Amino acid sequence: MEIRIQSIHFDATEKLQAFIEKKVGKIAKSCDQAATAEVVLKVVKPETAMNKEVQIRLDVPGGKLHAEKVCDTFEEGIDQCVEALQRQAEKYKEKQRVK
């Protein structure tokens, strides 16, 4: 699976990029039909708490899976998005089995 990382209003570190690839790679194992994953990291208001916005979008045959979270750290947001996408991937797989 191809993972595209886009950081808005800051430069993502190598460590953060490796963390993203590791976590999003777990989704690829559970949802093997996903072709690409797009991760958007954004600092909303630098001077406030809860200012890190994370969006992850997976392209799957017949649609897209999307999760968006706002947290104190990017790592926390990525963890929450990955959990939400894993639940969505399970539902998607169930629907595919029914068809």
N, C-alpha and C. Protein backbone atom coordinates (compact mmCIF):
# COMPACT_ATOMS: atom_id res chain seq x y z
N MET A 1 0.85 -1.18 0.00
CA MET A 1 0.00 0.00 0.00
C MET A 1 0.89 1.24 0.00
N GLU A 2 0.50 2.20 -0.80
CA GLU A 2 1.22 3.48 -0.87
C GLU A 2 0.68 4.42 0.20
N ILE A 3 1.59 5.02 0.97
CA ILE A 3 1.20 5.95 2.04
C ILE A 3 1.76 7.33 1.69
N ARG A 4 0.86 8.30 1.54
CA ARG A 4 1.27 9.68 1.26
C ARG A 4 1.06 10.51 2.52
N ILE A 5 2.10 11.22 2.93
CA ILE A 5 2.04 12.04 4.14
C ILE A 5 2.16 13.51 3.74
N GLN A 6 1.18 14.29 4.19
CA GLN A 6 1.19 15.73 3.90
C GLN A 6 1.14 16.47 5.24
N SER A 7 2.11 17.34 5.48
CA SER A 7 2.11 18.12 6.72
C SER A 7 1.89 19.59 6.37
N ILE A 8 0.93 20.20 7.04
CA ILE A 8 0.55 21.58 6.76
C ILE A 8 0.96 22.45 7.95
N HIS A 9 1.64 23.56 7.67
CA HIS A 9 2.10 24.53 8.66
C HIS A 9 3.26 24.04 9.53
N PHE A 10 3.93 22.94 9.13
CA PHE A 10 5.12 22.47 9.84
C PHE A 10 5.78 21.38 9.00
N ASP A 11 6.99 20.99 9.37
CA ASP A 11 7.70 19.90 8.70
C ASP A 11 7.68 18.67 9.60
N ALA A 12 7.18 17.57 9.07
CA ALA A 12 7.13 16.31 9.83
C ALA A 12 8.54 15.73 9.96
N THR A 13 8.88 15.26 11.15
CA THR A 13 10.19 14.66 11.39
C THR A 13 10.24 13.24 10.83
N GLU A 14 11.45 12.74 10.68
CA GLU A 14 11.63 11.36 10.22
C GLU A 14 10.97 10.38 11.19
N LYS A 15 11.11 10.67 12.48
CA LYS A 15 10.54 9.80 13.52
C LYS A 15 9.02 9.74 13.40
N LEU A 16 8.38 10.90 13.17
CA LEU A 16 6.92 10.95 13.02
C LEU A 16 6.50 10.21 11.75
N GLN A 17 7.24 10.37 10.67
CA GLN A 17 6.90 9.68 9.43
C GLN A 17 7.02 8.17 9.59
N ALA A 18 8.05 7.72 10.30
CA ALA A 18 8.22 6.27 10.54
C ALA A 18 7.07 5.74 11.40
N PHE A 19 6.65 6.53 12.40
CA PHE A 19 5.53 6.14 13.26
C PHE A 19 4.25 5.99 12.42
N ILE A 20 4.02 6.95 11.54
CA ILE A 20 2.83 6.92 10.68
C ILE A 20 2.85 5.68 9.79
N GLU A 21 3.99 5.42 9.16
CA GLU A 21 4.08 4.26 8.27
C GLU A 21 3.87 2.95 9.01
N LYS A 22 4.36 2.87 10.24
CA LYS A 22 4.18 1.66 11.04
C LYS A 22 2.70 1.47 11.39
N LYS A 23 2.05 2.53 11.88
CA LYS A 23 0.65 2.41 12.31
C LYS A 23 -0.29 2.20 11.14
N VAL A 24 -0.12 2.97 10.07
CA VAL A 24 -1.00 2.84 8.91
C VAL A 24 -0.75 1.51 8.21
N GLY A 25 0.45 0.99 8.31
CA GLY A 25 0.76 -0.32 7.75
C GLY A 25 -0.06 -1.43 8.40
N LYS A 26 -0.42 -1.24 9.66
CA LYS A 26 -1.27 -2.23 10.34
C LYS A 26 -2.64 -2.30 9.70
N ILE A 27 -3.15 -1.16 9.24
CA ILE A 27 -4.46 -1.15 8.56
C ILE A 27 -4.36 -1.94 7.27
N ALA A 28 -3.23 -1.83 6.59
CA ALA A 28 -3.04 -2.54 5.32
C ALA A 28 -3.15 -4.04 5.51
N LYS A 29 -2.69 -4.54 6.66
CA LYS A 29 -2.78 -5.97 6.93
C LYS A 29 -4.23 -6.40 7.12
N SER A 30 -5.03 -5.57 7.80
CA SER A 30 -6.42 -5.95 8.06
C SER A 30 -7.32 -5.65 6.87
N CYS A 31 -6.96 -4.66 6.07
CA CYS A 31 -7.76 -4.30 4.89
C CYS A 31 -6.85 -4.37 3.67
N ASP A 32 -6.62 -5.59 3.18
CA ASP A 32 -5.66 -5.80 2.10
C ASP A 32 -6.11 -5.21 0.77
N GLN A 33 -7.35 -4.78 0.65
CA GLN A 33 -7.84 -4.20 -0.60
C GLN A 33 -7.52 -2.72 -0.73
N ALA A 34 -7.04 -2.09 0.34
CA ALA A 34 -6.73 -0.66 0.30
C ALA A 34 -5.51 -0.43 -0.60
N ALA A 35 -5.66 0.47 -1.56
CA ALA A 35 -4.58 0.74 -2.51
C ALA A 35 -3.67 1.86 -2.01
N THR A 36 -4.27 2.95 -1.54
CA THR A 36 -3.48 4.08 -1.08
C THR A 36 -4.04 4.61 0.24
N ALA A 37 -3.16 5.22 1.00
CA ALA A 37 -3.55 5.89 2.24
C ALA A 37 -2.98 7.30 2.18
N GLU A 38 -3.82 8.28 2.49
CA GLU A 38 -3.37 9.66 2.51
C GLU A 38 -3.51 10.18 3.93
N VAL A 39 -2.39 10.65 4.49
CA VAL A 39 -2.36 11.15 5.86
C VAL A 39 -2.09 12.66 5.80
N VAL A 40 -2.98 13.44 6.40
CA VAL A 40 -2.82 14.89 6.44
C VAL A 40 -2.64 15.31 7.89
N LEU A 41 -1.51 15.96 8.18
CA LEU A 41 -1.21 16.45 9.52
C LEU A 41 -1.26 17.97 9.47
N LYS A 42 -1.93 18.57 10.44
CA LYS A 42 -2.12 20.01 10.40
C LYS A 42 -2.07 20.59 11.80
N VAL A 43 -1.35 21.71 11.96
CA VAL A 43 -1.36 22.44 13.22
C VAL A 43 -2.41 23.54 13.06
N VAL A 44 -3.49 23.47 13.87
CA VAL A 44 -4.60 24.37 13.70
C VAL A 44 -4.28 25.75 14.29
N LYS A 45 -4.10 25.82 15.58
CA LYS A 45 -3.75 27.08 16.26
C LYS A 45 -2.54 26.79 17.13
N PRO A 46 -1.35 27.23 16.73
CA PRO A 46 -0.12 26.85 17.43
C PRO A 46 -0.09 27.21 18.91
N GLU A 47 -0.79 28.24 19.34
CA GLU A 47 -0.68 28.69 20.72
C GLU A 47 -1.66 28.02 21.68
N THR A 48 -2.52 27.13 21.20
CA THR A 48 -3.52 26.51 22.07
C THR A 48 -3.26 25.01 22.22
N ALA A 49 -3.91 24.42 23.23
CA ALA A 49 -3.87 22.97 23.41
C ALA A 49 -4.86 22.34 22.43
N MET A 50 -4.76 21.04 22.25
CA MET A 50 -5.64 20.30 21.32
C MET A 50 -5.60 20.96 19.94
N ASN A 51 -4.39 21.16 19.43
CA ASN A 51 -4.26 21.89 18.17
C ASN A 51 -3.70 21.05 17.02
N LYS A 52 -3.55 19.76 17.20
CA LYS A 52 -3.00 18.89 16.16
C LYS A 52 -4.15 18.12 15.50
N GLU A 53 -4.35 18.35 14.22
CA GLU A 53 -5.42 17.69 13.48
C GLU A 53 -4.82 16.63 12.58
N VAL A 54 -5.40 15.42 12.64
CA VAL A 54 -4.93 14.29 11.84
C VAL A 54 -6.10 13.77 11.02
N GLN A 55 -5.88 13.62 9.72
CA GLN A 55 -6.88 13.03 8.84
C GLN A 55 -6.21 11.88 8.09
N ILE A 56 -6.89 10.74 8.05
CA ILE A 56 -6.39 9.60 7.28
C ILE A 56 -7.51 9.14 6.37
N ARG A 57 -7.19 9.00 5.09
CA ARG A 57 -8.17 8.58 4.09
C ARG A 57 -7.62 7.36 3.36
N LEU A 58 -8.39 6.28 3.34
CA LEU A 58 -8.01 5.05 2.64
C LEU A 58 -8.89 4.90 1.41
N ASP A 59 -8.27 4.63 0.28
CA ASP A 59 -9.02 4.34 -0.94
C ASP A 59 -9.19 2.84 -1.04
N VAL A 60 -10.45 2.41 -1.06
CA VAL A 60 -10.77 0.99 -1.19
C VAL A 60 -11.69 0.85 -2.40
N PRO A 61 -11.75 -0.33 -2.98
CA PRO A 61 -12.65 -0.51 -4.14
C PRO A 61 -14.09 -0.17 -3.77
N GLY A 62 -14.68 0.74 -4.51
CA GLY A 62 -16.07 1.10 -4.27
C GLY A 62 -16.27 2.20 -3.24
N GLY A 63 -15.21 2.83 -2.76
CA GLY A 63 -15.40 3.91 -1.80
C GLY A 63 -14.13 4.34 -1.10
N LYS A 64 -14.33 5.10 -0.04
CA LYS A 64 -13.21 5.60 0.76
C LYS A 64 -13.55 5.44 2.23
N LEU A 65 -12.54 5.18 3.03
CA LEU A 65 -12.68 5.16 4.48
C LEU A 65 -11.94 6.39 5.00
N HIS A 66 -12.55 7.10 5.96
CA HIS A 66 -11.99 8.37 6.41
C HIS A 66 -12.11 8.49 7.93
N ALA A 67 -11.05 9.00 8.55
CA ALA A 67 -11.08 9.30 9.98
C ALA A 67 -10.36 10.62 10.20
N GLU A 68 -10.89 11.41 11.14
CA GLU A 68 -10.32 12.72 11.43
C GLU A 68 -10.40 12.96 12.94
N LYS A 69 -9.28 13.32 13.54
CA LYS A 69 -9.21 13.55 14.99
C LYS A 69 -8.39 14.80 15.29
N VAL A 70 -8.72 15.46 16.40
CA VAL A 70 -7.95 16.61 16.89
C VAL A 70 -7.48 16.26 18.30
N CYS A 71 -6.14 16.32 18.52
CA CYS A 71 -5.56 15.92 19.80
C CYS A 71 -4.41 16.84 20.19
N ASP A 72 -3.80 16.54 21.34
CA ASP A 72 -2.63 17.28 21.82
C ASP A 72 -1.37 16.94 21.02
N THR A 73 -1.23 15.66 20.63
CA THR A 73 -0.04 15.23 19.89
C THR A 73 -0.47 14.51 18.61
N PHE A 74 0.41 14.52 17.62
CA PHE A 74 0.11 13.81 16.38
C PHE A 74 0.05 12.31 16.60
N GLU A 75 0.91 11.80 17.48
CA GLU A 75 0.92 10.37 17.74
C GLU A 75 -0.42 9.89 18.30
N GLU A 76 -0.97 10.66 19.25
CA GLU A 76 -2.26 10.32 19.83
C GLU A 76 -3.36 10.35 18.76
N GLY A 77 -3.34 11.37 17.93
CA GLY A 77 -4.33 11.49 16.85
C GLY A 77 -4.23 10.35 15.85
N ILE A 78 -3.00 9.96 15.52
CA ILE A 78 -2.80 8.86 14.57
C ILE A 78 -3.33 7.56 15.17
N ASP A 79 -3.03 7.31 16.45
CA ASP A 79 -3.54 6.10 17.11
C ASP A 79 -5.06 6.05 17.06
N GLN A 80 -5.71 7.17 17.37
CA GLN A 80 -7.18 7.20 17.38
C GLN A 80 -7.75 7.01 15.97
N CYS A 81 -7.12 7.63 14.97
CA CYS A 81 -7.58 7.47 13.59
C CYS A 81 -7.42 6.03 13.12
N VAL A 82 -6.30 5.41 13.46
CA VAL A 82 -6.06 4.02 13.06
C VAL A 82 -7.09 3.10 13.68
N GLU A 83 -7.42 3.31 14.96
CA GLU A 83 -8.45 2.49 15.61
C GLU A 83 -9.79 2.66 14.90
N ALA A 84 -10.16 3.90 14.58
CA ALA A 84 -11.43 4.15 13.90
C ALA A 84 -11.44 3.50 12.51
N LEU A 85 -10.34 3.60 11.80
CA LEU A 85 -10.27 3.01 10.46
C LEU A 85 -10.29 1.49 10.50
N GLN A 86 -9.72 0.90 11.53
CA GLN A 86 -9.78 -0.56 11.64
C GLN A 86 -11.21 -1.03 11.83
N ARG A 87 -11.99 -0.28 12.64
CA ARG A 87 -13.41 -0.63 12.80
C ARG A 87 -14.15 -0.46 11.47
N GLN A 88 -13.86 0.63 10.76
CA GLN A 88 -14.50 0.85 9.46
C GLN A 88 -14.11 -0.23 8.46
N ALA A 89 -12.85 -0.66 8.49
CA ALA A 89 -12.37 -1.70 7.58
C ALA A 89 -13.08 -3.03 7.86
N GLU A 90 -13.31 -3.33 9.14
CA GLU A 90 -14.03 -4.57 9.49
C GLU A 90 -15.46 -4.52 8.95
N LYS A 91 -16.12 -3.39 9.11
CA LYS A 91 -17.49 -3.24 8.59
C LYS A 91 -17.49 -3.35 7.06
N TYR A 92 -16.50 -2.74 6.42
CA TYR A 92 -16.38 -2.79 4.97
C TYR A 92 -16.22 -4.24 4.50
N LYS A 93 -15.35 -5.00 5.19
CA LYS A 93 -15.13 -6.39 4.82
C LYS A 93 -16.39 -7.22 5.00
N GLU A 94 -17.15 -6.94 6.07
CA GLU A 94 -18.41 -7.66 6.29
C GLU A 94 -19.40 -7.40 5.15
N LYS A 95 -19.48 -6.14 4.73
CA LYS A 95 -20.38 -5.80 3.62
C LYS A 95 -19.95 -6.48 2.34
N GLN A 96 -18.64 -6.61 2.11
CA GLN A 96 -18.15 -7.26 0.91
C GLN A 96 -18.46 -8.76 0.92
N ARG A 97 -18.42 -9.37 2.10
CA ARG A 97 -18.74 -10.80 2.21
C ARG A 97 -20.20 -11.06 1.90
N VAL A 98 -21.07 -10.15 2.33
CA VAL A 98 -22.51 -10.31 2.13
C VAL A 98 -22.86 -10.24 0.65
N LYS A 99 -22.14 -9.42 -0.10
CA LYS A 99 -22.46 -9.25 -1.54
C LYS A 99 -22.15 -10.45 -2.33
